[in-house]
Amino acid sequence: MHTSDISPWKHEHNFTADTSSAEKRTRRVIVLTAVMMVVEIAAGTVFHSMALLADGWHMSTHVTAFVLTAAAYYFCRRHAKDARFTFGTGKISVLGGFTSAIVLSAIALLMAGESIYRLVFPVPIHFQVAIIIASVGLVVNVASAWILKDDHHHDHGHEHHHHGEDLNMRAAYMHVLADALTSVLAIIALSAGLFFGWVWLDPVMGLVGTVVIVSWAYTLLRDTSAILLDKIPANTDLPVVIREGIESDGDTVITDLHIWQVGAGKFAAIIGVVGHHPKTPDEYRQMLKIHEELVHVSVEVQTCQEHEAAAHKVG
């Protein structure tokens, strides 16, 4: 049989949506955040402010996370048609989100350590300068969130079985939100220190921010690790609807079912069925066509007579 004869049955295994816009937006955020990082480190050095220096170096970790996000998008795009990736490059973005979540967790732990240290050993703070720089940082964070927000919400569509969220972009968005939260808490704490002398509030706010950021990082780690380990997402009812659809004829029984995510909102499935008068694999696939999120379905069909005959021979 010639290759042209089987071409109607061949299909690509690239299930990743176009992320070029997300990649471009992430690069813009990298530039904004890197500029702000340099400004904070320079200002902290000039004005002898440990608070600004610490925040500047803290922002450098976010720059690293954004670079990881952009790199994941680039790698996905660069190898989208690489046959060595059996089910496409969708999980590369998920891996980027997982790595960013680890970075976010590390940032939170560093914040906690620094906050506890400052509670025990208070340091003098240049309140007015720190407030100005923190306010500029908040503006940069709001601008970054605005740049990323369209892509963060883009994949929340009409699919009712699950949400096709880009976890790589969600990770970048969480880093921006974490920075924004840190800036807001810093402004509140620095203002209280300037007007009321509450120097202790600065490290306390750092601990509050740590708790919030850890909760965000945990959620992101949970969602990304589940996909990387091929766990069926809790927010999809695909196992139920597949069983209902296939077994609706009253004869077919599903004996084996494997479902895993191969991209944002895209799933593959391997289904083993048995029946007295089973349909063809293509007929079973047609029964599931209504579920557009199922982009790759393999069906293995067996008949009850085969098992009965085999049992009779053994006896």
Protein backbone atom coordinates (compact mmCIF):
# COMPACT_ATOMS: atom_id res chain seq x y z
CA MET A 1 0.00 0.00 0.00
CA HIS A 2 1.36 3.40 -0.97
CA THR A 3 1.66 6.30 1.48
CA SER A 4 -0.95 8.28 -0.48
CA ASP A 5 -3.48 5.47 0.12
CA ILE A 6 -3.38 5.93 3.90
CA SER A 7 -3.17 9.73 3.97
CA PRO A 8 -6.91 10.21 4.80
CA TRP A 9 -6.36 8.23 8.01
CA LYS A 10 -3.20 10.07 9.09
CA HIS A 11 -3.37 13.06 11.39
CA GLU A 12 -1.03 15.36 13.27
CA HIS A 13 -0.25 15.03 16.97
CA ASN A 14 0.23 18.70 17.68
CA PHE A 15 -2.60 19.62 20.05
CA THR A 16 -1.08 22.88 21.32
CA ALA A 17 -2.95 26.10 20.60
CA ASP A 18 -1.20 29.10 19.07
CA THR A 19 0.70 30.78 21.94
CA SER A 20 2.61 33.37 19.89
CA SER A 21 0.60 36.21 21.44
CA ALA A 22 1.24 34.91 24.96
CA GLU A 23 4.95 34.59 24.18
CA LYS A 24 5.17 38.20 22.94
CA ARG A 25 3.27 39.52 25.97
CA THR A 26 5.52 37.59 28.33
CA ARG A 27 8.61 39.11 26.70
CA ARG A 28 7.21 42.60 27.28
CA VAL A 29 6.66 41.79 30.94
CA ILE A 30 10.26 40.52 31.18
CA VAL A 31 11.53 43.90 29.97
CA LEU A 32 9.28 45.87 32.35
CA THR A 33 10.17 43.73 35.36
CA ALA A 34 13.90 43.71 34.56
CA VAL A 35 13.96 47.53 34.31
CA MET A 36 12.15 47.83 37.64
CA MET A 37 14.56 45.33 39.19
CA VAL A 38 17.57 47.42 38.12
CA VAL A 39 15.94 50.62 39.41
CA GLU A 40 15.22 49.11 42.84
CA ILE A 41 18.72 47.65 43.23
CA ALA A 42 20.31 50.94 42.13
CA ALA A 43 18.07 53.01 44.43
CA GLY A 44 18.71 50.67 47.33
CA THR A 45 22.46 51.03 46.82
CA VAL A 46 22.36 54.83 46.50
CA PHE A 47 19.97 55.45 49.42
CA HIS A 48 21.37 52.64 51.61
CA SER A 49 17.95 51.00 51.80
CA MET A 50 18.04 47.29 52.56
CA ALA A 51 14.28 47.14 51.93
CA LEU A 52 14.70 48.30 48.34
CA LEU A 53 17.73 46.07 47.77
CA ALA A 54 15.85 43.05 49.08
CA ASP A 55 12.82 43.81 46.91
CA GLY A 56 15.05 44.33 43.88
CA TRP A 57 16.74 40.97 44.27
CA HIS A 58 13.35 39.43 45.04
CA MET A 59 12.10 40.83 41.72
CA SER A 60 15.05 39.17 39.95
CA THR A 61 13.54 35.78 40.81
CA HIS A 62 10.33 36.84 39.08
CA VAL A 63 12.35 37.84 36.01
CA THR A 64 13.81 34.34 36.05
CA ALA A 65 10.32 32.84 36.22
CA PHE A 66 9.12 34.97 33.30
CA VAL A 67 12.15 33.86 31.26
CA LEU A 68 11.18 30.25 31.99
CA THR A 69 7.62 30.99 30.81
CA ALA A 70 8.85 32.54 27.55
CA ALA A 71 11.34 29.70 27.02
CA ALA A 72 8.57 27.11 27.43
CA TYR A 73 6.46 28.89 24.79
CA TYR A 74 9.43 29.08 22.44
CA PHE A 75 10.25 25.39 22.87
CA CYS A 76 6.60 24.42 22.28
CA ARG A 77 6.51 26.46 19.06
CA ARG A 78 9.94 25.33 17.89
CA HIS A 79 9.16 21.60 18.27
CA ALA A 80 5.42 21.64 17.53
CA LYS A 81 5.82 19.28 14.55
CA ASP A 82 8.65 17.19 15.99
CA ALA A 83 7.57 13.54 15.66
CA ARG A 84 9.70 12.59 18.68
CA PHE A 85 7.04 14.18 20.89
CA THR A 86 4.42 11.44 20.67
CA PHE A 87 1.48 13.58 21.74
CA GLY A 88 2.84 16.99 20.83
CA THR A 89 4.52 19.61 23.01
CA GLY A 90 1.52 20.62 25.14
CA LYS A 91 3.09 19.40 28.37
CA ILE A 92 6.12 21.66 27.91
CA SER A 93 3.98 24.65 28.88
CA VAL A 94 2.66 22.69 31.86
CA LEU A 95 6.25 21.89 32.86
CA GLY A 96 7.03 25.62 32.60
CA GLY A 97 4.12 26.37 34.93
CA PHE A 98 5.27 23.67 37.35
CA THR A 99 8.81 25.09 37.43
CA SER A 100 7.49 28.62 37.95
CA ALA A 101 5.38 27.37 40.85
CA ILE A 102 8.53 25.98 42.49
CA VAL A 103 10.25 29.36 42.00
CA LEU A 104 7.19 31.08 43.49
CA SER A 105 7.38 28.76 46.52
CA ALA A 106 11.08 29.54 46.96
CA ILE A 107 10.32 33.28 46.82
CA ALA A 108 7.68 32.86 49.51
CA LEU A 109 10.10 30.99 51.77
CA LEU A 110 12.76 33.67 51.29
CA MET A 111 10.17 36.33 52.16
CA ALA A 112 9.24 34.43 55.31
CA GLY A 113 12.88 34.10 56.38
CA GLU A 114 13.62 37.78 55.75
CA SER A 115 10.43 38.85 57.58
CA ILE A 116 11.21 36.74 60.65
CA TYR A 117 14.78 38.05 60.68
CA ARG A 118 13.53 41.66 60.61
CA LEU A 119 11.07 40.98 63.42
CA VAL A 120 13.94 39.79 65.60
CA PHE A 121 16.54 42.26 64.32
CA PRO A 122 14.80 45.44 63.10
CA VAL A 123 16.68 47.52 60.54
CA PRO A 124 16.32 51.27 59.84
CA ILE A 125 14.07 51.98 56.85
CA HIS A 126 14.14 55.06 54.57
CA PHE A 127 10.34 55.27 54.53
CA GLN A 128 9.73 58.09 52.05
CA VAL A 129 12.09 56.77 49.37
CA ALA A 130 10.89 53.20 49.90
CA ILE A 131 7.23 54.26 49.52
CA ILE A 132 7.96 56.06 46.25
CA ILE A 133 9.83 53.10 44.78
CA ALA A 134 7.22 50.61 46.02
CA SER A 135 4.49 52.74 44.38
CA VAL A 136 6.37 52.75 41.08
CA GLY A 137 6.77 48.99 41.44
CA LEU A 138 3.01 48.64 41.93
CA VAL A 139 2.37 50.63 38.74
CA VAL A 140 4.74 48.31 36.85
CA ASN A 141 2.96 45.26 38.29
CA VAL A 142 -0.47 46.61 37.29
CA ALA A 143 0.84 47.29 33.78
CA SER A 144 2.29 43.77 33.59
CA ALA A 145 -0.99 42.25 34.77
CA TRP A 146 -2.84 44.24 32.11
CA ILE A 147 -0.44 42.95 29.43
CA LEU A 148 -0.92 39.33 30.53
CA LYS A 149 -4.60 39.36 31.44
CA ASP A 150 -6.01 38.72 27.93
CA ASP A 151 -3.98 35.57 27.48
CA HIS A 152 -4.62 34.44 31.06
CA HIS A 153 -8.39 34.47 30.45
CA HIS A 154 -8.32 33.63 26.75
CA ASP A 155 -8.72 29.88 27.17
CA HIS A 156 -11.67 30.03 29.55
CA GLY A 157 -14.25 29.18 26.95
CA HIS A 158 -17.53 27.40 26.46
CA GLU A 159 -16.31 23.90 27.24
CA HIS A 160 -18.42 22.52 30.06
CA HIS A 161 -16.37 19.45 30.91
CA HIS A 162 -13.25 21.32 31.98
CA HIS A 163 -11.42 24.60 31.51
CA GLY A 164 -8.66 24.74 28.90
CA GLU A 165 -6.42 27.01 30.92
CA ASP A 166 -2.85 27.77 29.89
CA LEU A 167 -1.04 26.89 33.12
CA ASN A 168 2.21 28.41 31.87
CA MET A 169 0.50 31.80 31.49
CA ARG A 170 -1.32 31.28 34.78
CA ALA A 171 2.08 30.86 36.47
CA ALA A 172 3.36 34.11 34.95
CA TYR A 173 0.16 35.88 35.98
CA MET A 174 0.55 34.62 39.54
CA HIS A 175 4.10 35.97 39.69
CA VAL A 176 2.77 39.40 38.66
CA LEU A 177 -0.01 39.19 41.26
CA ALA A 178 2.50 38.12 43.91
CA ASP A 179 4.65 41.15 43.10
CA ALA A 180 1.62 43.43 43.16
CA LEU A 181 0.51 42.01 46.51
CA THR A 182 4.00 42.50 47.91
CA SER A 183 4.00 46.13 46.72
CA VAL A 184 0.58 46.87 48.21
CA LEU A 185 1.49 45.32 51.57
CA ALA A 186 4.82 47.17 51.53
CA ILE A 187 3.12 50.52 50.88
CA ILE A 188 0.67 49.92 53.74
CA ALA A 189 3.43 48.86 56.13
CA LEU A 190 5.82 51.66 55.12
CA SER A 191 3.08 54.28 55.45
CA ALA A 192 2.22 53.00 58.92
CA GLY A 193 5.91 53.13 59.81
CA LEU A 194 6.27 56.69 58.47
CA PHE A 195 3.21 58.15 60.18
CA PHE A 196 2.81 55.99 63.30
CA GLY A 197 6.28 54.54 63.85
CA TRP A 198 5.01 50.96 63.43
CA VAL A 199 8.27 49.53 62.11
CA TRP A 200 7.17 46.02 63.12
CA LEU A 201 4.30 46.09 60.59
CA ASP A 202 6.71 45.78 57.63
CA PRO A 203 7.89 42.23 58.46
CA VAL A 204 4.39 41.25 59.60
CA MET A 205 3.01 42.21 56.20
CA GLY A 206 5.82 40.15 54.68
CA LEU A 207 4.54 37.09 56.54
CA VAL A 208 0.96 37.80 55.43
CA GLY A 209 2.14 37.97 51.83
CA THR A 210 4.05 34.72 52.30
CA VAL A 211 0.90 32.84 53.35
CA VAL A 212 -1.06 34.11 50.33
CA ILE A 213 1.73 33.36 47.85
CA VAL A 214 2.27 29.85 49.25
CA SER A 215 -1.44 29.10 48.75
CA TRP A 216 -1.21 30.27 45.12
CA ALA A 217 1.94 28.22 44.53
CA TYR A 218 0.35 25.11 46.08
CA THR A 219 -2.69 25.37 43.78
CA LEU A 220 -0.49 25.76 40.72
CA LEU A 221 1.77 22.85 41.76
CA ARG A 222 -1.27 20.65 42.34
CA ASP A 223 -2.81 21.39 38.94
CA THR A 224 0.40 21.13 36.90
CA SER A 225 1.75 18.01 38.63
CA ALA A 226 -1.57 16.23 38.05
CA ILE A 227 -1.25 16.81 34.29
CA LEU A 228 2.43 15.87 34.20
CA LEU A 229 1.61 12.59 35.97
CA ASP A 230 -1.32 11.90 33.57
CA LYS A 231 -3.89 12.12 36.34
CA ILE A 232 -7.46 12.69 35.18
CA PRO A 233 -8.31 16.29 36.21
CA ALA A 234 -10.92 16.53 38.94
CA ASN A 235 -12.82 19.20 37.00
CA THR A 236 -13.66 17.02 33.99
CA ASP A 237 -16.49 14.52 33.68
CA LEU A 238 -15.02 12.81 30.63
CA PRO A 239 -14.83 9.36 32.30
CA VAL A 240 -18.57 9.53 32.99
CA VAL A 241 -19.66 10.85 29.59
CA ILE A 242 -17.43 8.37 27.73
CA ARG A 243 -18.94 5.43 29.64
CA GLU A 244 -22.47 6.74 29.13
CA GLY A 245 -21.88 7.28 25.42
CA ILE A 246 -20.17 3.96 24.66
CA GLU A 247 -22.33 1.75 26.90
CA SER A 248 -25.64 3.38 25.84
CA ASP A 249 -26.36 0.53 23.35
CA GLY A 250 -26.93 -1.93 26.22
CA ASP A 251 -24.45 -4.44 24.80
CA THR A 252 -21.02 -2.80 24.93
CA VAL A 253 -19.09 -2.67 28.20
CA ILE A 254 -15.93 -0.63 28.73
CA THR A 255 -13.24 -2.88 30.22
CA ASP A 256 -10.32 -0.45 30.10
CA LEU A 257 -10.26 3.35 30.08
CA HIS A 258 -7.25 5.69 30.11
CA ILE A 259 -7.63 9.48 29.80
CA TRP A 260 -4.86 12.05 29.97
CA GLN A 261 -4.32 15.67 29.02
CA VAL A 262 -2.09 16.44 26.02
CA GLY A 263 -2.60 20.22 25.86
CA ALA A 264 -4.63 23.08 27.31
CA GLY A 265 -8.16 21.68 27.30
CA LYS A 266 -7.15 18.78 25.01
CA PHE A 267 -7.37 15.11 25.98
CA ALA A 268 -6.39 11.71 24.59
CA ALA A 269 -8.07 8.43 25.48
CA ILE A 270 -7.47 4.70 25.10
CA ILE A 271 -10.68 2.69 25.43
CA GLY A 272 -11.03 -1.08 25.64
CA VAL A 273 -14.56 -2.45 24.98
CA VAL A 274 -16.22 -5.87 24.83
CA GLY A 275 -19.68 -6.93 23.67
CA HIS A 276 -21.66 -9.74 22.08
CA HIS A 277 -22.17 -7.68 18.92
CA PRO A 278 -19.66 -4.85 19.20
CA LYS A 279 -19.39 -1.96 16.72
CA THR A 280 -16.27 -1.10 14.80
CA PRO A 281 -13.63 1.14 16.43
CA ASP A 282 -14.53 3.95 14.03
CA GLU A 283 -18.22 3.74 15.04
CA TYR A 284 -17.29 4.09 18.69
CA ARG A 285 -15.08 7.09 17.88
CA GLN A 286 -17.96 8.68 15.99
CA MET A 287 -20.12 8.32 19.13
CA LEU A 288 -17.60 10.52 20.96
CA LYS A 289 -17.20 13.17 18.22
CA ILE A 290 -19.47 15.54 20.15
CA HIS A 291 -16.72 15.93 22.77
CA GLU A 292 -14.33 18.25 20.92
CA GLU A 293 -11.83 18.15 23.77
CA LEU A 294 -11.10 14.49 22.89
CA VAL A 295 -8.50 15.04 20.18
CA HIS A 296 -7.01 11.54 20.04
CA VAL A 297 -9.05 8.38 20.71
CA SER A 298 -7.88 4.77 20.32
CA VAL A 299 -10.44 1.96 20.67
CA GLU A 300 -9.70 -1.75 21.17
CA VAL A 301 -12.69 -4.02 20.46
CA GLN A 302 -13.24 -7.59 21.62
CA THR A 303 -16.26 -9.92 21.43
CA CYS A 304 -17.65 -12.11 24.16
CA GLN A 305 -17.62 -15.15 21.85
CA GLU A 306 -13.83 -15.02 21.65
CA HIS A 307 -13.53 -15.28 25.43
CA GLU A 308 -16.18 -18.04 25.63
CA ALA A 309 -14.43 -20.11 22.95
CA ALA A 310 -11.08 -19.70 24.68
CA ALA A 311 -12.59 -20.80 28.00
CA HIS A 312 -14.22 -23.83 26.33
CA LYS A 313 -10.85 -24.95 24.86
CA VAL A 314 -9.15 -24.62 28.22
CA GLY A 315 -11.87 -26.75 29.82
